[in-house]
Amino acid sequence: TSPYDAGLGRVVKLDKPVDFVGHAALERIAAEGPSRRLVGLIVRGRGIARHGYPVFAGDDRETGVVTSGAPSPTLGVPIAMAYVSPADGEPGTMLAVGIRDGRVPAEVVPLPFYRRAD
């Protein structure tokens, strides 16, 4: 997993004169773009998305995998995070999570899930 996959590319400083292990790989990812994207999901059906569950796009194509999921007492809905194809990671995109023998609808939402009002 690279910082670019996790949406943390802003913290990578490739223009500094210090070389480090993985510098060339990060330069390549920065130029080409990441192959996957960390997104937030709100499960819109019955079920909890758990680590390792597959994520599917609308055309039945497997687009990613859930990294973590749980019911959210604060939001009152099941939430999860998943790595998906960048093309399927825009907020508002409807995906499906493979839960047991079925597929449950899930909506891509921006992270973090909750921000305290100031």
PDB file of N, CA and C in Angstrom:
ATOM      1  N   THR A   1       0.848  -1.184   0.000  1.00  0.00           N
ATOM      2  CA  THR A   1       0.000   0.000   0.000  1.00  0.00           C
ATOM      3  C   THR A   1       0.883   1.232   0.000  1.00  0.00           C
ATOM      4  N   SER A   2       0.592   2.142  -0.889  1.00  0.00           N
ATOM      5  CA  SER A   2       1.361   3.384  -0.946  1.00  0.00           C
ATOM      6  C   SER A   2       0.534   4.526  -0.362  1.00  0.00           C
ATOM      7  N   PRO A   3       1.184   5.624  -0.007  1.00  0.00           N
ATOM      8  CA  PRO A   3       0.436   6.790   0.469  1.00  0.00           C
ATOM      9  C   PRO A   3      -0.557   7.297  -0.582  1.00  0.00           C
ATOM     10  N   TYR A   4      -0.250   7.106  -1.849  1.00  0.00           N
ATOM     11  CA  TYR A   4      -1.147   7.552  -2.914  1.00  0.00           C
ATOM     12  C   TYR A   4      -2.420   6.709  -2.943  1.00  0.00           C
ATOM     13  N   ASP A   5      -2.295   5.394  -2.698  1.00  0.00           N
ATOM     14  CA  ASP A   5      -3.473   4.518  -2.629  1.00  0.00           C
ATOM     15  C   ASP A   5      -4.405   4.965  -1.511  1.00  0.00           C
ATOM     16  N   ALA A   6      -3.822   5.358  -0.386  1.00  0.00           N
ATOM     17  CA  ALA A   6      -4.601   5.720   0.799  1.00  0.00           C
ATOM     18  C   ALA A   6      -5.076   7.165   0.797  1.00  0.00           C
ATOM     19  N   GLY A   7      -4.815   7.909  -0.286  1.00  0.00           N
ATOM     20  CA  GLY A   7      -5.240   9.305  -0.358  1.00  0.00           C
ATOM     21  C   GLY A   7      -4.355  10.241   0.439  1.00  0.00           C
ATOM     22  N   LEU A   8      -3.109   9.821   0.699  1.00  0.00           N
ATOM     23  CA  LEU A   8      -2.191  10.624   1.501  1.00  0.00           C
ATOM     24  C   LEU A   8      -0.991  11.112   0.695  1.00  0.00           C
ATOM     25  N   GLY A   9      -1.150  11.213  -0.603  1.00  0.00           N
ATOM     26  CA  GLY A   9      -0.061  11.674  -1.459  1.00  0.00           C
ATOM     27  C   GLY A   9       0.445  13.059  -1.101  1.00  0.00           C
ATOM     28  N   ARG A  10      -0.404  13.860  -0.469  1.00  0.00           N
ATOM     29  CA  ARG A  10      -0.015  15.225  -0.100  1.00  0.00           C
ATOM     30  C   ARG A  10       1.125  15.254   0.928  1.00  0.00           C
ATOM     31  N   VAL A  11       1.350  14.167   1.647  1.00  0.00           N
ATOM     32  CA  VAL A  11       2.412  14.149   2.649  1.00  0.00           C
ATOM     33  C   VAL A  11       3.740  13.662   2.091  1.00  0.00           C
ATOM     34  N   VAL A  12       3.753  13.188   0.849  1.00  0.00           N
ATOM     35  CA  VAL A  12       4.973  12.700   0.224  1.00  0.00           C
ATOM     36  C   VAL A  12       5.703  13.863  -0.428  1.00  0.00           C
ATOM     37  N   LYS A  13       6.956  14.049  -0.058  1.00  0.00           N
ATOM     38  CA  LYS A  13       7.783  15.123  -0.613  1.00  0.00           C
ATOM     39  C   LYS A  13       8.887  14.505  -1.458  1.00  0.00           C
ATOM     40  N   LEU A  14       8.635  14.356  -2.749  1.00  0.00           N
ATOM     41  CA  LEU A  14       9.599  13.723  -3.639  1.00  0.00           C
ATOM     42  C   LEU A  14      10.665  14.682  -4.146  1.00  0.00           C
ATOM     43  N   ASP A  15      10.486  15.978  -3.920  1.00  0.00           N
ATOM     44  CA  ASP A  15      11.431  16.960  -4.447  1.00  0.00           C
ATOM     45  C   ASP A  15      12.598  17.249  -3.499  1.00  0.00           C
ATOM     46  N   LYS A  16      12.641  16.610  -2.346  1.00  0.00           N
ATOM     47  CA  LYS A  16      13.750  16.808  -1.417  1.00  0.00           C
ATOM     48  C   LYS A  16      14.967  16.038  -1.908  1.00  0.00           C
ATOM     49  N   PRO A  17      16.181  16.498  -1.578  1.00  0.00           N
ATOM     50  CA  PRO A  17      17.386  15.836  -2.068  1.00  0.00           C
ATOM     51  C   PRO A  17      17.684  14.498  -1.377  1.00  0.00           C
ATOM     52  N   VAL A  18      16.921  14.124  -0.386  1.00  0.00           N
ATOM     53  CA  VAL A  18      17.167  12.882   0.337  1.00  0.00           C
ATOM     54  C   VAL A  18      16.574  11.711  -0.438  1.00  0.00           C
ATOM     55  N   ASP A  19      17.408  10.699  -0.694  1.00  0.00           N
ATOM     56  CA  ASP A  19      16.921   9.492  -1.366  1.00  0.00           C
ATOM     57  C   ASP A  19      16.567   8.465  -0.293  1.00  0.00           C
ATOM     58  N   PHE A  20      15.553   7.657  -0.529  1.00  0.00           N
ATOM     59  CA  PHE A  20      15.136   6.655   0.435  1.00  0.00           C
ATOM     60  C   PHE A  20      14.611   5.433  -0.312  1.00  0.00           C
ATOM     61  N   VAL A  21      14.532   4.313   0.403  1.00  0.00           N
ATOM     62  CA  VAL A  21      14.025   3.074  -0.184  1.00  0.00           C
ATOM     63  C   VAL A  21      12.586   3.306  -0.627  1.00  0.00           C
ATOM     64  N   GLY A  22      12.292   2.977  -1.855  1.00  0.00           N
ATOM     65  CA  GLY A  22      10.948   3.148  -2.386  1.00  0.00           C
ATOM     66  C   GLY A  22      10.731   4.460  -3.113  1.00  0.00           C
ATOM     67  N   HIS A  23      11.744   5.327  -3.158  1.00  0.00           N
ATOM     68  CA  HIS A  23      11.617   6.643  -3.807  1.00  0.00           C
ATOM     69  C   HIS A  23      11.214   6.501  -5.277  1.00  0.00           C
ATOM     70  N   ALA A  24      11.892   5.612  -5.991  1.00  0.00           N
ATOM     71  CA  ALA A  24      11.600   5.429  -7.424  1.00  0.00           C
ATOM     72  C   ALA A  24      10.171   4.910  -7.625  1.00  0.00           C
ATOM     73  N   ALA A  25       9.743   3.983  -6.771  1.00  0.00           N
ATOM     74  CA  ALA A  25       8.391   3.443  -6.897  1.00  0.00           C
ATOM     75  C   ALA A  25       7.348   4.527  -6.636  1.00  0.00           C
ATOM     76  N   LEU A  26       7.574   5.379  -5.635  1.00  0.00           N
ATOM     77  CA  LEU A  26       6.632   6.463  -5.351  1.00  0.00           C
ATOM     78  C   LEU A  26       6.606   7.489  -6.477  1.00  0.00           C
ATOM     79  N   GLU A  27       7.747   7.758  -7.082  1.00  0.00           N
ATOM     80  CA  GLU A  27       7.772   8.672  -8.231  1.00  0.00           C
ATOM     81  C   GLU A  27       6.921   8.118  -9.377  1.00  0.00           C
ATOM     82  N   ARG A  28       7.053   6.813  -9.622  1.00  0.00           N
ATOM     83  CA  ARG A  28       6.292   6.182 -10.691  1.00  0.00           C
ATOM     84  C   ARG A  28       4.788   6.256 -10.407  1.00  0.00           C
ATOM     85  N   ILE A  29       4.372   5.956  -9.180  1.00  0.00           N
ATOM     86  CA  ILE A  29       2.957   6.005  -8.824  1.00  0.00           C
ATOM     87  C   ILE A  29       2.429   7.435  -8.909  1.00  0.00           C
ATOM     88  N   ALA A  30       3.253   8.401  -8.486  1.00  0.00           N
ATOM     89  CA  ALA A  30       2.836   9.808  -8.559  1.00  0.00           C
ATOM     90  C   ALA A  30       2.600  10.219 -10.011  1.00  0.00           C
ATOM     91  N   ALA A  31       3.430   9.727 -10.927  1.00  0.00           N
ATOM     92  CA  ALA A  31       3.297  10.081 -12.335  1.00  0.00           C
ATOM     93  C   ALA A  31       2.135   9.354 -13.010  1.00  0.00           C
ATOM     94  N   GLU A  32       1.970   8.068 -12.709  1.00  0.00           N
ATOM     95  CA  GLU A  32       0.951   7.251 -13.385  1.00  0.00           C
ATOM     96  C   GLU A  32      -0.399   7.273 -12.680  1.00  0.00           C
ATOM     97  N   GLY A  33      -0.408   7.562 -11.387  1.00  0.00           N
ATOM     98  CA  GLY A  33      -1.631   7.483 -10.599  1.00  0.00           C
ATOM     99  C   GLY A  33      -1.724   6.127  -9.927  1.00  0.00           C
ATOM    100  N   PRO A  34      -2.392   6.061  -8.787  1.00  0.00           N
ATOM    101  CA  PRO A  34      -2.492   4.788  -8.066  1.00  0.00           C
ATOM    102  C   PRO A  34      -3.405   3.802  -8.785  1.00  0.00           C
ATOM    103  N   SER A  35      -3.186   2.516  -8.520  1.00  0.00           N
ATOM    104  CA  SER A  35      -4.005   1.468  -9.139  1.00  0.00           C
ATOM    105  C   SER A  35      -5.265   1.180  -8.336  1.00  0.00           C
ATOM    106  N   ARG A  36      -5.335   1.713  -7.121  1.00  0.00           N
ATOM    107  CA  ARG A  36      -6.522   1.546  -6.282  1.00  0.00           C
ATOM    108  C   ARG A  36      -6.669   2.771  -5.394  1.00  0.00           C
ATOM    109  N   ARG A  37      -7.831   2.869  -4.744  1.00  0.00           N
ATOM    110  CA  ARG A  37      -8.137   4.068  -3.957  1.00  0.00           C
ATOM    111  C   ARG A  37      -8.900   3.664  -2.693  1.00  0.00           C
ATOM    112  N   LEU A  38      -8.513   4.227  -1.557  1.00  0.00           N
ATOM    113  CA  LEU A  38      -9.214   3.968  -0.309  1.00  0.00           C
ATOM    114  C   LEU A  38     -10.464   4.837  -0.256  1.00  0.00           C
ATOM    115  N   VAL A  39     -11.616   4.200  -0.046  1.00  0.00           N
ATOM    116  CA  VAL A  39     -12.887   4.934  -0.008  1.00  0.00           C
ATOM    117  C   VAL A  39     -13.672   4.531   1.227  1.00  0.00           C
ATOM    118  N   GLY A  40     -14.606   5.381   1.598  1.00  0.00           N
ATOM    119  CA  GLY A  40     -15.563   5.059   2.639  1.00  0.00           C
ATOM    120  C   GLY A  40     -16.826   4.517   1.987  1.00  0.00           C
ATOM    121  N   LEU A  41     -17.467   3.564   2.650  1.00  0.00           N
ATOM    122  CA  LEU A  41     -18.716   2.991   2.156  1.00  0.00           C
ATOM    123  C   LEU A  41     -19.767   3.064   3.255  1.00  0.00           C
ATOM    124  N   ILE A  42     -20.973   3.431   2.880  1.00  0.00           N
ATOM    125  CA  ILE A  42     -22.126   3.283   3.764  1.00  0.00           C
ATOM    126  C   ILE A  42     -22.965   2.171   3.170  1.00  0.00           C
ATOM    127  N   VAL A  43     -23.156   1.118   3.945  1.00  0.00           N
ATOM    128  CA  VAL A  43     -23.927  -0.036   3.480  1.00  0.00           C
ATOM    129  C   VAL A  43     -25.400   0.343   3.518  1.00  0.00           C
ATOM    130  N   ARG A  44     -26.060   0.259   2.385  1.00  0.00           N
ATOM    131  CA  ARG A  44     -27.461   0.682   2.250  1.00  0.00           C
ATOM    132  C   ARG A  44     -28.452  -0.466   2.381  1.00  0.00           C
ATOM    133  N   GLY A  45     -27.973  -1.667   2.593  1.00  0.00           N
ATOM    134  CA  GLY A  45     -28.852  -2.814   2.794  1.00  0.00           C
ATOM    135  C   GLY A  45     -28.566  -3.454   4.132  1.00  0.00           C
ATOM    136  N   ARG A  46     -29.123  -4.650   4.334  1.00  0.00           N
ATOM    137  CA  ARG A  46     -28.900  -5.361   5.596  1.00  0.00           C
ATOM    138  C   ARG A  46     -27.584  -6.112   5.539  1.00  0.00           C
ATOM    139  N   GLY A  47     -26.782  -5.922   6.557  1.00  0.00           N
ATOM    140  CA  GLY A  47     -25.516  -6.640   6.656  1.00  0.00           C
ATOM    141  C   GLY A  47     -24.389  -5.702   7.013  1.00  0.00           C
ATOM    142  N   ILE A  48     -23.307  -6.286   7.491  1.00  0.00           N
ATOM    143  CA  ILE A  48     -22.113  -5.536   7.870  1.00  0.00           C
ATOM    144  C   ILE A  48     -20.980  -5.970   6.944  1.00  0.00           C
ATOM    145  N   ALA A  49     -20.345  -5.024   6.279  1.00  0.00           N
ATOM    146  CA  ALA A  49     -19.188  -5.327   5.441  1.00  0.00           C
ATOM    147  C   ALA A  49     -17.990  -5.555   6.366  1.00  0.00           C
ATOM    148  N   ARG A  50     -17.328  -6.673   6.231  1.00  0.00           N
ATOM    149  CA  ARG A  50     -16.188  -7.025   7.087  1.00  0.00           C
ATOM    150  C   ARG A  50     -14.916  -7.152   6.260  1.00  0.00           C
ATOM    151  N   HIS A  51     -13.787  -7.131   6.958  1.00  0.00           N
ATOM    152  CA  HIS A  51     -12.475  -7.251   6.330  1.00  0.00           C
ATOM    153  C   HIS A  51     -12.428  -8.453   5.383  1.00  0.00           C
ATOM    154  N   GLY A  52     -11.940  -8.213   4.178  1.00  0.00           N
ATOM    155  CA  GLY A  52     -11.770  -9.276   3.199  1.00  0.00           C
ATOM    156  C   GLY A  52     -12.954  -9.516   2.289  1.00  0.00           C
ATOM    157  N   TYR A  53     -14.111  -8.900   2.561  1.00  0.00           N
ATOM    158  CA  TYR A  53     -15.270  -9.092   1.691  1.00  0.00           C
ATOM    159  C   TYR A  53     -15.020  -8.395   0.348  1.00  0.00           C
ATOM    160  N   PRO A  54     -15.443  -9.010  -0.757  1.00  0.00           N
ATOM    161  CA  PRO A  54     -15.244  -8.387  -2.069  1.00  0.00           C
ATOM    162  C   PRO A  54     -16.224  -7.230  -2.302  1.00  0.00           C
ATOM    163  N   VAL A  55     -15.780  -6.290  -3.128  1.00  0.00           N
ATOM    164  CA  VAL A  55     -16.615  -5.154  -3.527  1.00  0.00           C
ATOM    165  C   VAL A  55     -16.793  -5.237  -5.041  1.00  0.00           C
ATOM    166  N   PHE A  56     -18.053  -5.058  -5.481  1.00  0.00           N
ATOM    167  CA  PHE A  56     -18.381  -5.193  -6.893  1.00  0.00           C
ATOM    168  C   PHE A  56     -18.928  -3.884  -7.449  1.00  0.00           C
ATOM    169  N   ALA A  57     -18.595  -3.615  -8.718  1.00  0.00           N
ATOM    170  CA  ALA A  57     -19.156  -2.467  -9.430  1.00  0.00           C
ATOM    171  C   ALA A  57     -20.500  -2.884 -10.022  1.00  0.00           C
ATOM    172  N   GLY A  58     -21.225  -1.926 -10.589  1.00  0.00           N
ATOM    173  CA  GLY A  58     -22.548  -2.177 -11.137  1.00  0.00           C
ATOM    174  C   GLY A  58     -22.592  -3.192 -12.250  1.00  0.00           C
ATOM    175  N   ASP A  59     -21.482  -3.408 -12.931  1.00  0.00           N
ATOM    176  CA  ASP A  59     -21.445  -4.361 -14.041  1.00  0.00           C
ATOM    177  C   ASP A  59     -20.980  -5.748 -13.593  1.00  0.00           C
ATOM    178  N   ASP A  60     -21.112  -6.052 -12.299  1.00  0.00           N
ATOM    179  CA  ASP A  60     -20.723  -7.345 -11.704  1.00  0.00           C
ATOM    180  C   ASP A  60     -19.221  -7.606 -11.732  1.00  0.00           C
ATOM    181  N   ARG A  61     -18.454  -6.570 -11.957  1.00  0.00           N
ATOM    182  CA  ARG A  61     -16.997  -6.695 -11.960  1.00  0.00           C
ATOM    183  C   ARG A  61     -16.490  -6.479 -10.543  1.00  0.00           C
ATOM    184  N   GLU A  62     -15.598  -7.383 -10.073  1.00  0.00           N
ATOM    185  CA  GLU A  62     -15.002  -7.188  -8.751  1.00  0.00           C
ATOM    186  C   GLU A  62     -14.032  -6.019  -8.842  1.00  0.00           C
ATOM    187  N   THR A  63     -14.288  -4.974  -8.058  1.00  0.00           N
ATOM    188  CA  THR A  63     -13.503  -3.751  -8.138  1.00  0.00           C
ATOM    189  C   THR A  63     -12.594  -3.539  -6.943  1.00  0.00           C
ATOM    190  N   GLY A  64     -12.791  -4.315  -5.870  1.00  0.00           N
ATOM    191  CA  GLY A  64     -11.940  -4.105  -4.714  1.00  0.00           C
ATOM    192  C   GLY A  64     -12.261  -5.035  -3.569  1.00  0.00           C
ATOM    193  N   VAL A  65     -11.762  -4.638  -2.372  1.00  0.00           N
ATOM    194  CA  VAL A  65     -11.909  -5.461  -1.177  1.00  0.00           C
ATOM    195  C   VAL A  65     -12.069  -4.558   0.046  1.00  0.00           C
ATOM    196  N   VAL A  66     -12.898  -4.983   0.980  1.00  0.00           N
ATOM    197  CA  VAL A  66     -13.125  -4.246   2.221  1.00  0.00           C
ATOM    198  C   VAL A  66     -11.913  -4.414   3.134  1.00  0.00           C
ATOM    199  N   THR A  67     -11.460  -3.320   3.731  1.00  0.00           N
ATOM    200  CA  THR A  67     -10.357  -3.377   4.689  1.00  0.00           C
ATOM    201  C   THR A  67     -10.857  -3.417   6.125  1.00  0.00           C
ATOM    202  N   SER A  68     -12.002  -2.795   6.399  1.00  0.00           N
ATOM    203  CA  SER A  68     -12.596  -2.825   7.737  1.00  0.00           C
ATOM    204  C   SER A  68     -14.045  -2.382   7.631  1.00  0.00           C
ATOM    205  N   GLY A  69     -14.855  -2.850   8.574  1.00  0.00           N
ATOM    206  CA  GLY A  69     -16.254  -2.453   8.581  1.00  0.00           C
ATOM    207  C   GLY A  69     -16.894  -2.743   9.919  1.00  0.00           C
ATOM    208  N   ALA A  70     -17.903  -1.953  10.252  1.00  0.00           N
ATOM    209  CA  ALA A  70     -18.593  -2.099  11.539  1.00  0.00           C
ATOM    210  C   ALA A  70     -19.877  -1.286  11.511  1.00  0.00           C
ATOM    211  N   PRO A  71     -20.794  -1.584  12.436  1.00  0.00           N
ATOM    212  CA  PRO A  71     -21.944  -0.694  12.585  1.00  0.00           C
ATOM    213  C   PRO A  71     -21.469   0.611  13.231  1.00  0.00           C
ATOM    214  N   SER A  72     -21.997   1.731  12.798  1.00  0.00           N
ATOM    215  CA  SER A  72     -21.609   3.017  13.372  1.00  0.00           C
ATOM    216  C   SER A  72     -22.717   3.533  14.278  1.00  0.00           C
ATOM    217  N   PRO A  73     -22.505   3.517  15.602  1.00  0.00           N
ATOM    218  CA  PRO A  73     -23.528   4.038  16.500  1.00  0.00           C
ATOM    219  C   PRO A  73     -23.750   5.541  16.322  1.00  0.00           C
ATOM    220  N   THR A  74     -22.715   6.259  15.943  1.00  0.00           N
ATOM    221  CA  THR A  74     -22.823   7.705  15.749  1.00  0.00           C
ATOM    222  C   THR A  74     -23.661   8.038  14.529  1.00  0.00           C
ATOM    223  N   LEU A  75     -23.439   7.321  13.428  1.00  0.00           N
ATOM    224  CA  LEU A  75     -24.158   7.600  12.185  1.00  0.00           C
ATOM    225  C   LEU A  75     -25.440   6.783  12.050  1.00  0.00           C
ATOM    226  N   GLY A  76     -25.541   5.686  12.793  1.00  0.00           N
ATOM    227  CA  GLY A  76     -26.737   4.856  12.737  1.00  0.00           C
ATOM    228  C   GLY A  76     -26.829   3.966  11.509  1.00  0.00           C
ATOM    229  N   VAL A  77     -25.711   3.742  10.825  1.00  0.00           N
ATOM    230  CA  VAL A  77     -25.674   2.884   9.640  1.00  0.00           C
ATOM    231  C   VAL A  77     -24.382   2.061   9.671  1.00  0.00           C
ATOM    232  N   PRO A  78     -24.359   0.929   8.955  1.00  0.00           N
ATOM    233  CA  PRO A  78     -23.107   0.185   8.832  1.00  0.00           C
ATOM    234  C   PRO A  78     -22.146   0.938   7.900  1.00  0.00           C
ATOM    235  N   ILE A  79     -20.879   1.029   8.292  1.00  0.00           N
ATOM    236  CA  ILE A  79     -19.872   1.706   7.479  1.00  0.00           C
ATOM    237  C   ILE A  79     -18.695   0.761   7.231  1.00  0.00           C
ATOM    238  N   ALA A  80     -17.914   1.081   6.221  1.00  0.00           N
ATOM    239  CA  ALA A  80     -16.733   0.285   5.903  1.00  0.00           C
ATOM    240  C   ALA A  80     -15.755   1.146   5.123  1.00  0.00           C
ATOM    241  N   MET A  81     -14.522   0.689   5.084  1.00  0.00           N
ATOM    242  CA  MET A  81     -13.523   1.263   4.191  1.00  0.00           C
ATOM    243  C   MET A  81     -13.068   0.151   3.264  1.00  0.00           C
ATOM    244  N   ALA A  82     -12.758   0.523   2.021  1.00  0.00           N
ATOM    245  CA  ALA A  82     -12.360  -0.475   1.040  1.00  0.00           C
ATOM    246  C   ALA A  82     -11.398   0.156   0.041  1.00  0.00           C
ATOM    247  N   TYR A  83     -10.537  -0.682  -0.512  1.00  0.00           N
ATOM    248  CA  TYR A  83      -9.725  -0.268  -1.648  1.00  0.00           C
ATOM    249  C   TYR A  83     -10.474  -0.693  -2.899  1.00  0.00           C
ATOM    250  N   VAL A  84     -10.716   0.263  -3.808  1.00  0.00           N
ATOM    251  CA  VAL A  84     -11.415  -0.021  -5.058  1.00  0.00           C
ATOM    252  C   VAL A  84     -10.651   0.597  -6.217  1.00  0.00           C
ATOM    253  N   SER A  85     -11.033   0.219  -7.417  1.00  0.00           N
ATOM    254  CA  SER A  85     -10.463   0.816  -8.621  1.00  0.00           C
ATOM    255  C   SER A  85     -10.733   2.321  -8.606  1.00  0.00           C
ATOM    256  N   PRO A  86      -9.761   3.157  -8.998  1.00  0.00           N
ATOM    257  CA  PRO A  86      -9.980   4.611  -8.977  1.00  0.00           C
ATOM    258  C   PRO A  86     -11.232   5.053  -9.736  1.00  0.00           C
ATOM    259  N   ALA A  87     -11.585   4.366 -10.800  1.00  0.00           N
ATOM    260  CA  ALA A  87     -12.766   4.738 -11.581  1.00  0.00           C
ATOM    261  C   ALA A  87     -14.066   4.517 -10.816  1.00  0.00           C
ATOM    262  N   ASP A  88     -14.031   3.650  -9.810  1.00  0.00           N
ATOM    263  CA  ASP A  88     -15.236   3.342  -9.026  1.00  0.00           C
ATOM    264  C   ASP A  88     -15.239   4.027  -7.665  1.00  0.00           C
ATOM    265  N   GLY A  89     -14.311   4.955  -7.433  1.00  0.00           N
ATOM    266  CA  GLY A  89     -14.156   5.531  -6.112  1.00  0.00           C
ATOM    267  C   GLY A  89     -14.707   6.922  -5.903  1.00  0.00           C
ATOM    268  N   GLU A  90     -15.503   7.436  -6.822  1.00  0.00           N
ATOM    269  CA  GLU A  90     -16.055   8.777  -6.647  1.00  0.00           C
ATOM    270  C   GLU A  90     -17.233   8.761  -5.684  1.00  0.00           C
ATOM    271  N   PRO A  91     -17.309   9.738  -4.767  1.00  0.00           N
ATOM    272  CA  PRO A  91     -18.454   9.798  -3.855  1.00  0.00           C
ATOM    273  C   PRO A  91     -19.775   9.795  -4.623  1.00  0.00           C
ATOM    274  N   GLY A  92     -20.732   9.036  -4.093  1.00  0.00           N
ATOM    275  CA  GLY A  92     -22.030   8.907  -4.744  1.00  0.00           C
ATOM    276  C   GLY A  92     -22.145   7.661  -5.611  1.00  0.00           C
ATOM    277  N   THR A  93     -21.028   7.029  -5.941  1.00  0.00           N
ATOM    278  CA  THR A  93     -21.049   5.813  -6.748  1.00  0.00           C
ATOM    279  C   THR A  93     -21.665   4.675  -5.942  1.00  0.00           C
ATOM    280  N   MET A  94     -22.571   3.951  -6.555  1.00  0.00           N
ATOM    281  CA  MET A  94     -23.177   2.788  -5.902  1.00  0.00           C
ATOM    282  C   MET A  94     -22.399   1.541  -6.280  1.00  0.00           C
ATOM    283  N   LEU A  95     -21.958   0.813  -5.269  1.00  0.00           N
ATOM    284  CA  LEU A  95     -21.250  -0.451  -5.437  1.00  0.00           C
ATOM    285  C   LEU A  95     -22.041  -1.514  -4.690  1.00  0.00           C
ATOM    286  N   ALA A  96     -21.504  -2.715  -4.614  1.00  0.00           N
ATOM    287  CA  ALA A  96     -22.135  -3.790  -3.841  1.00  0.00           C
ATOM    288  C   ALA A  96     -21.037  -4.541  -3.105  1.00  0.00           C
ATOM    289  N   VAL A  97     -21.341  -4.942  -1.882  1.00  0.00           N
ATOM    290  CA  VAL A  97     -20.405  -5.723  -1.079  1.00  0.00           C
ATOM    291  C   VAL A  97     -20.918  -7.155  -1.023  1.00  0.00           C
ATOM    292  N   GLY A  98     -20.024  -8.111  -1.281  1.00  0.00           N
ATOM    293  CA  GLY A  98     -20.386  -9.520  -1.190  1.00  0.00           C
ATOM    294  C   GLY A  98     -20.439  -9.940   0.269  1.00  0.00           C
ATOM    295  N   ILE A  99     -21.651 -10.076   0.796  1.00  0.00           N
ATOM    296  CA  ILE A  99     -21.851 -10.488   2.185  1.00  0.00           C
ATOM    297  C   ILE A  99     -22.560 -11.830   2.174  1.00  0.00           C
ATOM    298  N   ARG A 100     -21.928 -12.822   2.747  1.00  0.00           N
ATOM    299  CA  ARG A 100     -22.407 -14.204   2.724  1.00  0.00           C
ATOM    300  C   ARG A 100     -22.658 -14.633   1.278  1.00  0.00           C
ATOM    301  N   ASP A 101     -23.879 -15.025   0.945  1.00  0.00           N
ATOM    302  CA  ASP A 101     -24.162 -15.509  -0.413  1.00  0.00           C
ATOM    303  C   ASP A 101     -24.807 -14.450  -1.293  1.00  0.00           C
ATOM    304  N   GLY A 102     -24.870 -13.209  -0.829  1.00  0.00           N
ATOM    305  CA  GLY A 102     -25.538 -12.174  -1.610  1.00  0.00           C
ATOM    306  C   GLY A 102     -24.674 -10.943  -1.783  1.00  0.00           C
ATOM    307  N   ARG A 103     -25.256  -9.966  -2.426  1.00  0.00           N
ATOM    308  CA  ARG A 103     -24.581  -8.679  -2.629  1.00  0.00           C
ATOM    309  C   ARG A 103     -25.474  -7.594  -2.061  1.00  0.00           C
ATOM    310  N   VAL A 104     -24.875  -6.774  -1.215  1.00  0.00           N
ATOM    311  CA  VAL A 104     -25.610  -5.727  -0.521  1.00  0.00           C
ATOM    312  C   VAL A 104     -25.160  -4.378  -1.069  1.00  0.00           C
ATOM    313  N   PRO A 105     -26.096  -3.478  -1.431  1.00  0.00           N
ATOM    314  CA  PRO A 105     -25.706  -2.178  -1.972  1.00  0.00           C
ATOM    315  C   PRO A 105     -24.940  -1.348  -0.953  1.00  0.00           C
ATOM    316  N   ALA A 106     -23.967  -0.607  -1.463  1.00  0.00           N
ATOM    317  CA  ALA A 106     -23.163   0.291  -0.634  1.00  0.00           C
ATOM    318  C   ALA A 106     -22.824   1.525  -1.447  1.00  0.00           C
ATOM    319  N   GLU A 107     -22.852   2.679  -0.801  1.00  0.00           N
ATOM    320  CA  GLU A 107     -22.568   3.946  -1.468  1.00  0.00           C
ATOM    321  C   GLU A 107     -21.194   4.459  -1.059  1.00  0.00           C
ATOM    322  N   VAL A 108     -20.422   4.915  -2.039  1.00  0.00           N
ATOM    323  CA  VAL A 108     -19.121   5.523  -1.767  1.00  0.00           C
ATOM    324  C   VAL A 108     -19.361   6.910  -1.174  1.00  0.00           C
ATOM    325  N   VAL A 109     -18.703   7.180  -0.047  1.00  0.00           N
ATOM    326  CA  VAL A 109     -18.826   8.477   0.627  1.00  0.00           C
ATOM    327  C   VAL A 109     -17.434   9.007   0.944  1.00  0.00           C
ATOM    328  N   PRO A 110     -17.303  10.330   1.104  1.00  0.00           N
ATOM    329  CA  PRO A 110     -15.990  10.893   1.446  1.00  0.00           C
ATOM    330  C   PRO A 110     -15.557  10.477   2.860  1.00  0.00           C
ATOM    331  N   LEU A 111     -14.255  10.381   3.047  1.00  0.00           N
ATOM    332  CA  LEU A 111     -13.681  10.141   4.373  1.00  0.00           C
ATOM    333  C   LEU A 111     -13.197  11.460   4.950  1.00  0.00           C
ATOM    334  N   PRO A 112     -13.223  11.690   6.241  1.00  0.00           N
ATOM    335  CA  PRO A 112     -13.740  10.797   7.265  1.00  0.00           C
ATOM    336  C   PRO A 112     -15.259  10.762   7.244  1.00  0.00           C
ATOM    337  N   PHE A 113     -15.834   9.728   7.854  1.00  0.00           N
ATOM    338  CA  PHE A 113     -17.279   9.552   7.866  1.00  0.00           C
ATOM    339  C   PHE A 113     -17.976  10.656   8.664  1.00  0.00           C
ATOM    340  N   TYR A 114     -17.328  11.089   9.712  1.00  0.00           N
ATOM    341  CA  TYR A 114     -17.975  12.017  10.650  1.00  0.00           C
ATOM    342  C   TYR A 114     -17.019  13.154  10.974  1.00  0.00           C
ATOM    343  N   ARG A 115     -17.526  14.357  10.965  1.00  0.00           N
ATOM    344  CA  ARG A 115     -16.768  15.531  11.415  1.00  0.00           C
ATOM    345  C   ARG A 115     -17.603  16.246  12.472  1.00  0.00           C
ATOM    346  N   ARG A 116     -16.970  16.527  13.573  1.00  0.00           N
ATOM    347  CA  ARG A 116     -17.643  17.213  14.651  1.00  0.00           C
ATOM    348  C   ARG A 116     -17.921  18.649  14.220  1.00  0.00           C
ATOM    349  N   ALA A 117     -19.125  19.116  14.458  1.00  0.00           N
ATOM    350  CA  ALA A 117     -19.489  20.498  14.128  1.00  0.00           C
ATOM    351  C   ALA A 117     -18.787  21.431  15.113  1.00  0.00           C
ATOM    352  N   ASP A 118     -18.199  22.502  14.598  1.00  0.00           N
ATOM    353  CA  ASP A 118     -17.509  23.470  15.477  1.00  0.00           C
ATOM    354  C   ASP A 118     -18.446  24.524  15.992  1.00  0.00           C
TER     355      ASP A 118
END
